[in-house]
Amino acid sequence: SLMVFSFLPASNLLVTVGFVVAERILYIPSLGFCLLVSHGL
C-alpha cells in the first residue's frame, strides 16, 4: 500500500501532474519497498 498508493497521485495515470518523477516523490514508496524487502529477508 505504501509503495503503490503513495506513488499513484504522482504517476500521471489518474490525472496529468506535469512534473518529472523526482526523488521527493519516491520517499514514501521507498519506505514501503524497504519494509517489503525487510519482511522477505
PDB file of all heavy atoms in Angstrom:
ATOM      1  N   SER A   1       0.835  -1.210   0.000  1.00  0.00           N
ATOM      2  CA  SER A   1       0.000   0.000   0.000  1.00  0.00           C
ATOM      3  C   SER A   1       0.867   1.257   0.000  1.00  0.00           C
ATOM      4  O   SER A   1       0.597   2.217  -0.733  1.00  0.00           O
ATOM      5  CB  SER A   1      -0.919   0.019   1.228  1.00  0.00           C
ATOM      6  OG  SER A   1      -1.796  -1.076   1.185  1.00  0.00           O
ATOM      7  N   LEU A   2       1.910   1.249   0.858  1.00  0.00           N
ATOM      8  CA  LEU A   2       2.820   2.396   0.899  1.00  0.00           C
ATOM      9  C   LEU A   2       3.510   2.611  -0.441  1.00  0.00           C
ATOM     10  O   LEU A   2       3.698   3.733  -0.897  1.00  0.00           O
ATOM     11  CB  LEU A   2       3.872   2.196   1.997  1.00  0.00           C
ATOM     12  CG  LEU A   2       3.431   2.486   3.433  1.00  0.00           C
ATOM     13  CD1 LEU A   2       4.496   2.024   4.416  1.00  0.00           C
ATOM     14  CD2 LEU A   2       3.163   3.969   3.631  1.00  0.00           C
ATOM     15  N   MET A   3       3.899   1.500  -1.090  1.00  0.00           N
ATOM     16  CA  MET A   3       4.586   1.596  -2.384  1.00  0.00           C
ATOM     17  C   MET A   3       3.661   2.118  -3.479  1.00  0.00           C
ATOM     18  O   MET A   3       4.015   3.027  -4.219  1.00  0.00           O
ATOM     19  CB  MET A   3       5.121   0.213  -2.803  1.00  0.00           C
ATOM     20  CG  MET A   3       6.421  -0.195  -2.153  1.00  0.00           C
ATOM     21  SD  MET A   3       6.918  -1.845  -2.676  1.00  0.00           S
ATOM     22  CE  MET A   3       7.268  -1.583  -4.396  1.00  0.00           C
ATOM     23  N   VAL A   4       2.470   1.535  -3.549  1.00  0.00           N
ATOM     24  CA  VAL A   4       1.600   1.802  -4.697  1.00  0.00           C
ATOM     25  C   VAL A   4       0.773   3.072  -4.513  1.00  0.00           C
ATOM     26  O   VAL A   4       0.812   3.987  -5.345  1.00  0.00           O
ATOM     27  CB  VAL A   4       0.671   0.592  -4.968  1.00  0.00           C
ATOM     28  CG1 VAL A   4      -0.319   0.911  -6.092  1.00  0.00           C
ATOM     29  CG2 VAL A   4       1.495  -0.639  -5.322  1.00  0.00           C
ATOM     30  N   PHE A   5       0.031   3.153  -3.390  1.00  0.00           N
ATOM     31  CA  PHE A   5      -0.935   4.257  -3.242  1.00  0.00           C
ATOM     32  C   PHE A   5      -0.266   5.617  -3.055  1.00  0.00           C
ATOM     33  O   PHE A   5      -0.810   6.638  -3.467  1.00  0.00           O
ATOM     34  CB  PHE A   5      -1.902   3.955  -2.094  1.00  0.00           C
ATOM     35  CG  PHE A   5      -2.814   2.791  -2.380  1.00  0.00           C
ATOM     36  CD1 PHE A   5      -2.804   1.666  -1.580  1.00  0.00           C
ATOM     37  CD2 PHE A   5      -3.675   2.826  -3.473  1.00  0.00           C
ATOM     38  CE1 PHE A   5      -3.629   0.587  -1.863  1.00  0.00           C
ATOM     39  CE2 PHE A   5      -4.510   1.749  -3.761  1.00  0.00           C
ATOM     40  CZ  PHE A   5      -4.487   0.624  -2.957  1.00  0.00           C
ATOM     41  N   SER A   6       0.916   5.640  -2.424  1.00  0.00           N
ATOM     42  CA  SER A   6       1.599   6.928  -2.257  1.00  0.00           C
ATOM     43  C   SER A   6       2.222   7.417  -3.567  1.00  0.00           C
ATOM     44  O   SER A   6       2.492   8.601  -3.733  1.00  0.00           O
ATOM     45  CB  SER A   6       2.689   6.831  -1.179  1.00  0.00           C
ATOM     46  OG  SER A   6       3.687   5.912  -1.577  1.00  0.00           O
ATOM     47  N   PHE A   7       2.422   6.467  -4.507  1.00  0.00           N
ATOM     48  CA  PHE A   7       3.025   6.847  -5.784  1.00  0.00           C
ATOM     49  C   PHE A   7       1.970   7.211  -6.841  1.00  0.00           C
ATOM     50  O   PHE A   7       2.233   8.026  -7.733  1.00  0.00           O
ATOM     51  CB  PHE A   7       3.907   5.708  -6.303  1.00  0.00           C
ATOM     52  CG  PHE A   7       4.584   5.999  -7.615  1.00  0.00           C
ATOM     53  CD1 PHE A   7       5.601   6.950  -7.692  1.00  0.00           C
ATOM     54  CD2 PHE A   7       4.202   5.361  -8.782  1.00  0.00           C
ATOM     55  CE1 PHE A   7       6.226   7.244  -8.897  1.00  0.00           C
ATOM     56  CE2 PHE A   7       4.824   5.651 -10.000  1.00  0.00           C
ATOM     57  CZ  PHE A   7       5.834   6.591 -10.043  1.00  0.00           C
ATOM     58  N   LEU A   8       0.784   6.655  -6.715  1.00  0.00           N
ATOM     59  CA  LEU A   8      -0.259   6.846  -7.739  1.00  0.00           C
ATOM     60  C   LEU A   8      -0.561   8.314  -8.073  1.00  0.00           C
ATOM     61  O   LEU A   8      -0.647   8.660  -9.257  1.00  0.00           O
ATOM     62  CB  LEU A   8      -1.554   6.141  -7.311  1.00  0.00           C
ATOM     63  CG  LEU A   8      -1.716   4.686  -7.764  1.00  0.00           C
ATOM     64  CD1 LEU A   8      -3.004   4.108  -7.215  1.00  0.00           C
ATOM     65  CD2 LEU A   8      -1.710   4.566  -9.289  1.00  0.00           C
ATOM     66  N   PRO A   9      -0.740   9.198  -7.068  1.00  0.00           N
ATOM     67  CA  PRO A   9      -1.070  10.602  -7.430  1.00  0.00           C
ATOM     68  C   PRO A   9      -0.026  11.283  -8.309  1.00  0.00           C
ATOM     69  O   PRO A   9      -0.354  12.197  -9.062  1.00  0.00           O
ATOM     70  CB  PRO A   9      -1.153  11.299  -6.064  1.00  0.00           C
ATOM     71  CG  PRO A   9      -1.405  10.214  -5.081  1.00  0.00           C
ATOM     72  CD  PRO A   9      -0.696   9.015  -5.610  1.00  0.00           C
ATOM     73  N   ALA A  10       1.240  10.847  -8.210  1.00  0.00           N
ATOM     74  CA  ALA A  10       2.307  11.487  -8.990  1.00  0.00           C
ATOM     75  C   ALA A  10       2.666  10.717 -10.255  1.00  0.00           C
ATOM     76  O   ALA A  10       3.577  11.099 -10.979  1.00  0.00           O
ATOM     77  CB  ALA A  10       3.555  11.627  -8.121  1.00  0.00           C
ATOM     78  N   SER A  11       1.917   9.648 -10.533  1.00  0.00           N
ATOM     79  CA  SER A  11       2.306   8.749 -11.638  1.00  0.00           C
ATOM     80  C   SER A  11       1.803   9.203 -12.997  1.00  0.00           C
ATOM     81  O   SER A  11       2.170   8.625 -14.013  1.00  0.00           O
ATOM     82  CB  SER A  11       1.773   7.345 -11.354  1.00  0.00           C
ATOM     83  OG  SER A  11       0.348   7.370 -11.383  1.00  0.00           O
ATOM     84  N   ASN A  12       0.901  10.213 -13.036  1.00  0.00           N
ATOM     85  CA  ASN A  12       0.245  10.683 -14.264  1.00  0.00           C
ATOM     86  C   ASN A  12      -0.785   9.700 -14.818  1.00  0.00           C
ATOM     87  O   ASN A  12      -1.302   9.891 -15.911  1.00  0.00           O
ATOM     88  CB  ASN A  12       1.262  11.022 -15.368  1.00  0.00           C
ATOM     89  CG  ASN A  12       2.033  12.286 -15.071  1.00  0.00           C
ATOM     90  OD1 ASN A  12       1.453  13.318 -14.790  1.00  0.00           O
ATOM     91  ND2 ASN A  12       3.347  12.203 -15.116  1.00  0.00           N
ATOM     92  N   LEU A  13      -1.085   8.641 -14.044  1.00  0.00           N
ATOM     93  CA  LEU A  13      -2.072   7.655 -14.503  1.00  0.00           C
ATOM     94  C   LEU A  13      -3.496   8.153 -14.271  1.00  0.00           C
ATOM     95  O   LEU A  13      -4.374   7.977 -15.115  1.00  0.00           O
ATOM     96  CB  LEU A  13      -1.875   6.318 -13.776  1.00  0.00           C
ATOM     97  CG  LEU A  13      -0.609   5.532 -14.143  1.00  0.00           C
ATOM     98  CD1 LEU A  13      -0.450   4.325 -13.230  1.00  0.00           C
ATOM     99  CD2 LEU A  13      -0.679   5.059 -15.605  1.00  0.00           C
ATOM    100  N   LEU A  14      -3.728   8.762 -13.128  1.00  0.00           N
ATOM    101  CA  LEU A  14      -5.074   9.218 -12.785  1.00  0.00           C
ATOM    102  C   LEU A  14      -5.350  10.608 -13.356  1.00  0.00           C
ATOM    103  O   LEU A  14      -6.371  10.849 -13.974  1.00  0.00           O
ATOM    104  CB  LEU A  14      -5.255   9.228 -11.258  1.00  0.00           C
ATOM    105  CG  LEU A  14      -5.014   7.888 -10.556  1.00  0.00           C
ATOM    106  CD1 LEU A  14      -5.140   8.045  -9.056  1.00  0.00           C
ATOM    107  CD2 LEU A  14      -6.005   6.823 -11.061  1.00  0.00           C
ATOM    108  N   VAL A  15      -4.420  11.533 -13.100  1.00  0.00           N
ATOM    109  CA  VAL A  15      -4.516  12.891 -13.654  1.00  0.00           C
ATOM    110  C   VAL A  15      -3.134  13.311 -14.130  1.00  0.00           C
ATOM    111  O   VAL A  15      -2.128  12.800 -13.654  1.00  0.00           O
ATOM    112  CB  VAL A  15      -5.015  13.916 -12.592  1.00  0.00           C
ATOM    113  CG1 VAL A  15      -6.468  13.702 -12.258  1.00  0.00           C
ATOM    114  CG2 VAL A  15      -4.162  13.880 -11.345  1.00  0.00           C
ATOM    115  N   THR A  16      -3.091  14.271 -15.084  1.00  0.00           N
ATOM    116  CA  THR A  16      -1.802  14.770 -15.565  1.00  0.00           C
ATOM    117  C   THR A  16      -1.227  15.736 -14.531  1.00  0.00           C
ATOM    118  O   THR A  16      -1.810  16.784 -14.251  1.00  0.00           O
ATOM    119  CB  THR A  16      -1.959  15.481 -16.920  1.00  0.00           C
ATOM    120  OG1 THR A  16      -2.528  14.560 -17.839  1.00  0.00           O
ATOM    121  CG2 THR A  16      -0.603  15.949 -17.440  1.00  0.00           C
ATOM    122  N   VAL A  17      -0.101  15.351 -13.957  1.00  0.00           N
ATOM    123  CA  VAL A  17       0.537  16.177 -12.927  1.00  0.00           C
ATOM    124  C   VAL A  17       1.458  17.195 -13.597  1.00  0.00           C
ATOM    125  O   VAL A  17       1.497  18.364 -13.233  1.00  0.00           O
ATOM    126  CB  VAL A  17       1.329  15.304 -11.924  1.00  0.00           C
ATOM    127  CG1 VAL A  17       1.982  16.171 -10.860  1.00  0.00           C
ATOM    128  CG2 VAL A  17       0.414  14.279 -11.296  1.00  0.00           C
ATOM    129  N   GLY A  18       2.217  16.746 -14.580  1.00  0.00           N
ATOM    130  CA  GLY A  18       3.015  17.681 -15.374  1.00  0.00           C
ATOM    131  C   GLY A  18       4.440  17.862 -14.924  1.00  0.00           C
ATOM    132  O   GLY A  18       5.200  18.569 -15.554  1.00  0.00           O
ATOM    133  N   PHE A  19       4.851  17.235 -13.785  1.00  0.00           N
ATOM    134  CA  PHE A  19       6.259  17.364 -13.399  1.00  0.00           C
ATOM    135  C   PHE A  19       6.971  16.024 -13.496  1.00  0.00           C
ATOM    136  O   PHE A  19       6.340  14.970 -13.585  1.00  0.00           O
ATOM    137  CB  PHE A  19       6.418  17.986 -11.999  1.00  0.00           C
ATOM    138  CG  PHE A  19       5.716  17.235 -10.887  1.00  0.00           C
ATOM    139  CD1 PHE A  19       6.186  16.010 -10.455  1.00  0.00           C
ATOM    140  CD2 PHE A  19       4.610  17.776 -10.267  1.00  0.00           C
ATOM    141  CE1 PHE A  19       5.558  15.328  -9.438  1.00  0.00           C
ATOM    142  CE2 PHE A  19       3.968  17.100  -9.247  1.00  0.00           C
ATOM    143  CZ  PHE A  19       4.434  15.866  -8.829  1.00  0.00           C
ATOM    144  N   VAL A  20       8.281  16.087 -13.469  1.00  0.00           N
ATOM    145  CA  VAL A  20       9.096  14.873 -13.592  1.00  0.00           C
ATOM    146  C   VAL A  20       9.019  14.104 -12.279  1.00  0.00           C
ATOM    147  O   VAL A  20       8.986  14.705 -11.205  1.00  0.00           O
ATOM    148  CB  VAL A  20      10.574  15.254 -13.867  1.00  0.00           C
ATOM    149  CG1 VAL A  20      11.402  14.022 -14.133  1.00  0.00           C
ATOM    150  CG2 VAL A  20      10.635  16.207 -15.033  1.00  0.00           C
ATOM    151  N   VAL A  21       8.989  12.770 -12.349  1.00  0.00           N
ATOM    152  CA  VAL A  21       9.007  11.945 -11.139  1.00  0.00           C
ATOM    153  C   VAL A  21      10.370  12.129 -10.480  1.00  0.00           C
ATOM    154  O   VAL A  21      11.389  11.714 -11.004  1.00  0.00           O
ATOM    155  CB  VAL A  21       8.751  10.465 -11.475  1.00  0.00           C
ATOM    156  CG1 VAL A  21       8.873   9.620 -10.221  1.00  0.00           C
ATOM    157  CG2 VAL A  21       7.370  10.301 -12.075  1.00  0.00           C
ATOM    158  N   ALA A  22      10.378  12.804  -9.334  1.00  0.00           N
ATOM    159  CA  ALA A  22      11.632  13.204  -8.695  1.00  0.00           C
ATOM    160  C   ALA A  22      11.845  12.429  -7.396  1.00  0.00           C
ATOM    161  O   ALA A  22      10.985  11.677  -6.946  1.00  0.00           O
ATOM    162  CB  ALA A  22      11.587  14.696  -8.403  1.00  0.00           C
ATOM    163  N   GLU A  23      13.030  12.631  -6.787  1.00  0.00           N
ATOM    164  CA  GLU A  23      13.371  11.913  -5.562  1.00  0.00           C
ATOM    165  C   GLU A  23      12.323  12.108  -4.476  1.00  0.00           C
ATOM    166  O   GLU A  23      11.949  11.163  -3.792  1.00  0.00           O
ATOM    167  CB  GLU A  23      14.733  12.389  -5.028  1.00  0.00           C
ATOM    168  CG  GLU A  23      15.921  11.841  -5.783  1.00  0.00           C
ATOM    169  CD  GLU A  23      16.411  12.794  -6.873  1.00  0.00           C
ATOM    170  OE1 GLU A  23      15.570  13.560  -7.386  1.00  0.00           O
ATOM    171  OE2 GLU A  23      17.593  12.755  -7.211  1.00  0.00           O
ATOM    172  N   ARG A  24      11.817  13.330  -4.338  1.00  0.00           N
ATOM    173  CA  ARG A  24      10.869  13.621  -3.248  1.00  0.00           C
ATOM    174  C   ARG A  24       9.587  12.810  -3.380  1.00  0.00           C
ATOM    175  O   ARG A  24       8.898  12.551  -2.406  1.00  0.00           O
ATOM    176  CB  ARG A  24      10.560  15.120  -3.211  1.00  0.00           C
ATOM    177  CG  ARG A  24       9.833  15.650  -4.417  1.00  0.00           C
ATOM    178  CD  ARG A  24       9.616  17.155  -4.343  1.00  0.00           C
ATOM    179  NE  ARG A  24       8.875  17.657  -5.487  1.00  0.00           N
ATOM    180  CZ  ARG A  24       9.404  17.958  -6.646  1.00  0.00           C
ATOM    181  NH1 ARG A  24      10.713  17.802  -6.823  1.00  0.00           N
ATOM    182  NH2 ARG A  24       8.667  18.407  -7.643  1.00  0.00           N
ATOM    183  N   ILE A  25       9.243  12.406  -4.628  1.00  0.00           N
ATOM    184  CA  ILE A  25       8.029  11.618  -4.864  1.00  0.00           C
ATOM    185  C   ILE A  25       8.239  10.165  -4.444  1.00  0.00           C
ATOM    186  O   ILE A  25       7.292   9.427  -4.238  1.00  0.00           O
ATOM    187  CB  ILE A  25       7.650  11.677  -6.372  1.00  0.00           C
ATOM    188  CG1 ILE A  25       7.524  13.123  -6.843  1.00  0.00           C
ATOM    189  CG2 ILE A  25       6.375  10.924  -6.674  1.00  0.00           C
ATOM    190  CD1 ILE A  25       6.538  13.941  -6.056  1.00  0.00           C
ATOM    191  N   LEU A  26       9.504   9.771  -4.338  1.00  0.00           N
ATOM    192  CA  LEU A  26       9.816   8.352  -4.077  1.00  0.00           C
ATOM    193  C   LEU A  26      10.126   8.052  -2.618  1.00  0.00           C
ATOM    194  O   LEU A  26      10.391   6.907  -2.273  1.00  0.00           O
ATOM    195  CB  LEU A  26      11.010   7.924  -4.943  1.00  0.00           C
ATOM    196  CG  LEU A  26      10.814   8.100  -6.462  1.00  0.00           C
ATOM    197  CD1 LEU A  26      12.085   7.737  -7.199  1.00  0.00           C
ATOM    198  CD2 LEU A  26       9.664   7.252  -6.967  1.00  0.00           C
ATOM    199  N   TYR A  27      10.096   9.064  -1.744  1.00  0.00           N
ATOM    200  CA  TYR A  27      10.435   8.819  -0.335  1.00  0.00           C
ATOM    201  C   TYR A  27       9.509   7.785   0.310  1.00  0.00           C
ATOM    202  O   TYR A  27       9.957   6.788   0.869  1.00  0.00           O
ATOM    203  CB  TYR A  27      10.377  10.127   0.478  1.00  0.00           C
ATOM    204  CG  TYR A  27      11.485  11.109   0.156  1.00  0.00           C
ATOM    205  CD1 TYR A  27      11.279  12.478   0.310  1.00  0.00           C
ATOM    206  CD2 TYR A  27      12.731  10.667  -0.297  1.00  0.00           C
ATOM    207  CE1 TYR A  27      12.289  13.398   0.011  1.00  0.00           C
ATOM    208  CE2 TYR A  27      13.732  11.574  -0.595  1.00  0.00           C
ATOM    209  CZ  TYR A  27      13.511  12.932  -0.448  1.00  0.00           C
ATOM    210  OH  TYR A  27      14.507  13.835  -0.747  1.00  0.00           O
ATOM    211  N   ILE A  28       8.188   8.019   0.251  1.00  0.00           N
ATOM    212  CA  ILE A  28       7.234   7.116   0.921  1.00  0.00           C
ATOM    213  C   ILE A  28       7.159   5.766   0.188  1.00  0.00           C
ATOM    214  O   ILE A  28       7.199   4.720   0.846  1.00  0.00           O
ATOM    215  CB  ILE A  28       5.848   7.776   1.058  1.00  0.00           C
ATOM    216  CG1 ILE A  28       5.980   9.030   1.941  1.00  0.00           C
ATOM    217  CG2 ILE A  28       4.838   6.806   1.671  1.00  0.00           C
ATOM    218  CD1 ILE A  28       4.724   9.856   2.049  1.00  0.00           C
ATOM    219  N   PRO A  29       7.088   5.744  -1.186  1.00  0.00           N
ATOM    220  CA  PRO A  29       7.133   4.434  -1.860  1.00  0.00           C
ATOM    221  C   PRO A  29       8.390   3.630  -1.502  1.00  0.00           C
ATOM    222  O   PRO A  29       8.337   2.406  -1.365  1.00  0.00           O
ATOM    223  CB  PRO A  29       7.115   4.789  -3.350  1.00  0.00           C
ATOM    224  CG  PRO A  29       6.440   6.111  -3.407  1.00  0.00           C
ATOM    225  CD  PRO A  29       6.847   6.816  -2.158  1.00  0.00           C
ATOM    226  N   SER A  30       9.527   4.336  -1.335  1.00  0.00           N
ATOM    227  CA  SER A  30      10.775   3.649  -0.960  1.00  0.00           C
ATOM    228  C   SER A  30      10.666   3.030   0.423  1.00  0.00           C
ATOM    229  O   SER A  30      11.212   1.941   0.678  1.00  0.00           O
ATOM    230  CB  SER A  30      11.955   4.621  -0.979  1.00  0.00           C
ATOM    231  OG  SER A  30      12.162   5.085  -2.275  1.00  0.00           O
ATOM    232  N   LEU A  31       9.948   3.694   1.323  1.00  0.00           N
ATOM    233  CA  LEU A  31       9.727   3.150   2.666  1.00  0.00           C
ATOM    234  C   LEU A  31       8.951   1.843   2.582  1.00  0.00           C
ATOM    235  O   LEU A  31       9.287   0.857   3.248  1.00  0.00           O
ATOM    236  CB  LEU A  31       8.960   4.185   3.507  1.00  0.00           C
ATOM    237  CG  LEU A  31       8.625   3.804   4.943  1.00  0.00           C
ATOM    238  CD1 LEU A  31       9.886   3.591   5.762  1.00  0.00           C
ATOM    239  CD2 LEU A  31       7.746   4.869   5.596  1.00  0.00           C
ATOM    240  N   GLY A  32       7.913   1.827   1.726  1.00  0.00           N
ATOM    241  CA  GLY A  32       7.144   0.602   1.506  1.00  0.00           C
ATOM    242  C   GLY A  32       8.016  -0.512   0.940  1.00  0.00           C
ATOM    243  O   GLY A  32       7.931  -1.670   1.366  1.00  0.00           O
ATOM    244  N   PHE A  33       8.885  -0.163  -0.014  1.00  0.00           N
ATOM    245  CA  PHE A  33       9.802  -1.140  -0.619  1.00  0.00           C
ATOM    246  C   PHE A  33      10.739  -1.726   0.441  1.00  0.00           C
ATOM    247  O   PHE A  33      10.955  -2.943   0.498  1.00  0.00           O
ATOM    248  CB  PHE A  33      10.600  -0.466  -1.735  1.00  0.00           C
ATOM    249  CG  PHE A  33      11.704  -1.315  -2.302  1.00  0.00           C
ATOM    250  CD1 PHE A  33      11.433  -2.370  -3.149  1.00  0.00           C
ATOM    251  CD2 PHE A  33      13.038  -1.070  -1.970  1.00  0.00           C
ATOM    252  CE1 PHE A  33      12.455  -3.162  -3.668  1.00  0.00           C
ATOM    253  CE2 PHE A  33      14.061  -1.847  -2.467  1.00  0.00           C
ATOM    254  CZ  PHE A  33      13.781  -2.895  -3.331  1.00  0.00           C
ATOM    255  N   CYS A  34      11.288  -0.846   1.300  1.00  0.00           N
ATOM    256  CA  CYS A  34      12.221  -1.298   2.349  1.00  0.00           C
ATOM    257  C   CYS A  34      11.527  -2.238   3.328  1.00  0.00           C
ATOM    258  O   CYS A  34      12.104  -3.263   3.745  1.00  0.00           O
ATOM    259  CB  CYS A  34      12.798  -0.098   3.104  1.00  0.00           C
ATOM    260  SG  CYS A  34      13.945   0.859   2.117  1.00  0.00           S
ATOM    261  N   LEU A  35      10.278  -1.915   3.690  1.00  0.00           N
ATOM    262  CA  LEU A  35       9.517  -2.786   4.602  1.00  0.00           C
ATOM    263  C   LEU A  35       9.276  -4.151   3.978  1.00  0.00           C
ATOM    264  O   LEU A  35       9.379  -5.195   4.641  1.00  0.00           O
ATOM    265  CB  LEU A  35       8.180  -2.132   4.962  1.00  0.00           C
ATOM    266  CG  LEU A  35       8.230  -0.932   5.922  1.00  0.00           C
ATOM    267  CD1 LEU A  35       6.873  -0.253   5.999  1.00  0.00           C
ATOM    268  CD2 LEU A  35       8.663  -1.388   7.312  1.00  0.00           C
ATOM    269  N   LEU A  36       8.982  -4.155   2.678  1.00  0.00           N
ATOM    270  CA  LEU A  36       8.723  -5.409   1.950  1.00  0.00           C
ATOM    271  C   LEU A  36       9.980  -6.264   1.884  1.00  0.00           C
ATOM    272  O   LEU A  36       9.956  -7.473   2.143  1.00  0.00           O
ATOM    273  CB  LEU A  36       8.217  -5.078   0.540  1.00  0.00           C
ATOM    274  CG  LEU A  36       7.580  -6.226  -0.251  1.00  0.00           C
ATOM    275  CD1 LEU A  36       6.299  -6.697   0.420  1.00  0.00           C
ATOM    276  CD2 LEU A  36       7.274  -5.769  -1.678  1.00  0.00           C
ATOM    277  N   VAL A  37      11.115  -5.630   1.542  1.00  0.00           N
ATOM    278  CA  VAL A  37      12.395  -6.353   1.469  1.00  0.00           C
ATOM    279  C   VAL A  37      12.781  -6.886   2.849  1.00  0.00           C
ATOM    280  O   VAL A  37      13.212  -8.040   3.000  1.00  0.00           O
ATOM    281  CB  VAL A  37      13.503  -5.431   0.906  1.00  0.00           C
ATOM    282  CG1 VAL A  37      14.882  -6.075   1.059  1.00  0.00           C
ATOM    283  CG2 VAL A  37      13.238  -5.127  -0.556  1.00  0.00           C
ATOM    284  N   SER A  38      12.594  -6.055   3.883  1.00  0.00           N
ATOM    285  CA  SER A  38      12.927  -6.453   5.255  1.00  0.00           C
ATOM    286  C   SER A  38      12.108  -7.659   5.680  1.00  0.00           C
ATOM    287  O   SER A  38      12.643  -8.613   6.267  1.00  0.00           O
ATOM    288  CB  SER A  38      12.666  -5.270   6.193  1.00  0.00           C
ATOM    289  OG  SER A  38      12.783  -5.661   7.529  1.00  0.00           O
ATOM    290  N   HIS A  39      10.821  -7.635   5.362  1.00  0.00           N
ATOM    291  CA  HIS A  39       9.945  -8.754   5.714  1.00  0.00           C
ATOM    292  C   HIS A  39      10.382 -10.033   4.977  1.00  0.00           C
ATOM    293  O   HIS A  39      10.458 -11.114   5.571  1.00  0.00           O
ATOM    294  CB  HIS A  39       8.500  -8.416   5.366  1.00  0.00           C
ATOM    295  CG  HIS A  39       7.533  -9.526   5.650  1.00  0.00           C
ATOM    296  ND1 HIS A  39       7.195  -9.920   6.936  1.00  0.00           N
ATOM    297  CD2 HIS A  39       6.859 -10.362   4.806  1.00  0.00           C
ATOM    298  CE1 HIS A  39       6.350 -10.933   6.874  1.00  0.00           C
ATOM    299  NE2 HIS A  39       6.119 -11.218   5.580  1.00  0.00           N
ATOM    300  N   GLY A  40      10.712  -9.899   3.697  1.00  0.00           N
ATOM    301  CA  GLY A  40      11.151 -11.050   2.908  1.00  0.00           C
ATOM    302  C   GLY A  40      12.444 -11.655   3.445  1.00  0.00           C
ATOM    303  O   GLY A  40      12.595 -12.882   3.513  1.00  0.00           O
ATOM    304  N   LEU A  41      13.379 -10.785   3.820  1.00  0.00           N
ATOM    305  CA  LEU A  41      14.658 -11.267   4.362  1.00  0.00           C
ATOM    306  C   LEU A  41      14.457 -11.992   5.690  1.00  0.00           C
ATOM    307  O   LEU A  41      15.093 -13.037   5.959  1.00  0.00           O
ATOM    308  CB  LEU A  41      15.626 -10.094   4.567  1.00  0.00           C
ATOM    309  CG  LEU A  41      16.221  -9.489   3.292  1.00  0.00           C
ATOM    310  CD1 LEU A  41      16.993  -8.223   3.614  1.00  0.00           C
ATOM    311  CD2 LEU A  41      17.152 -10.488   2.586  1.00  0.00           C
TER     312      LEU A  41
END
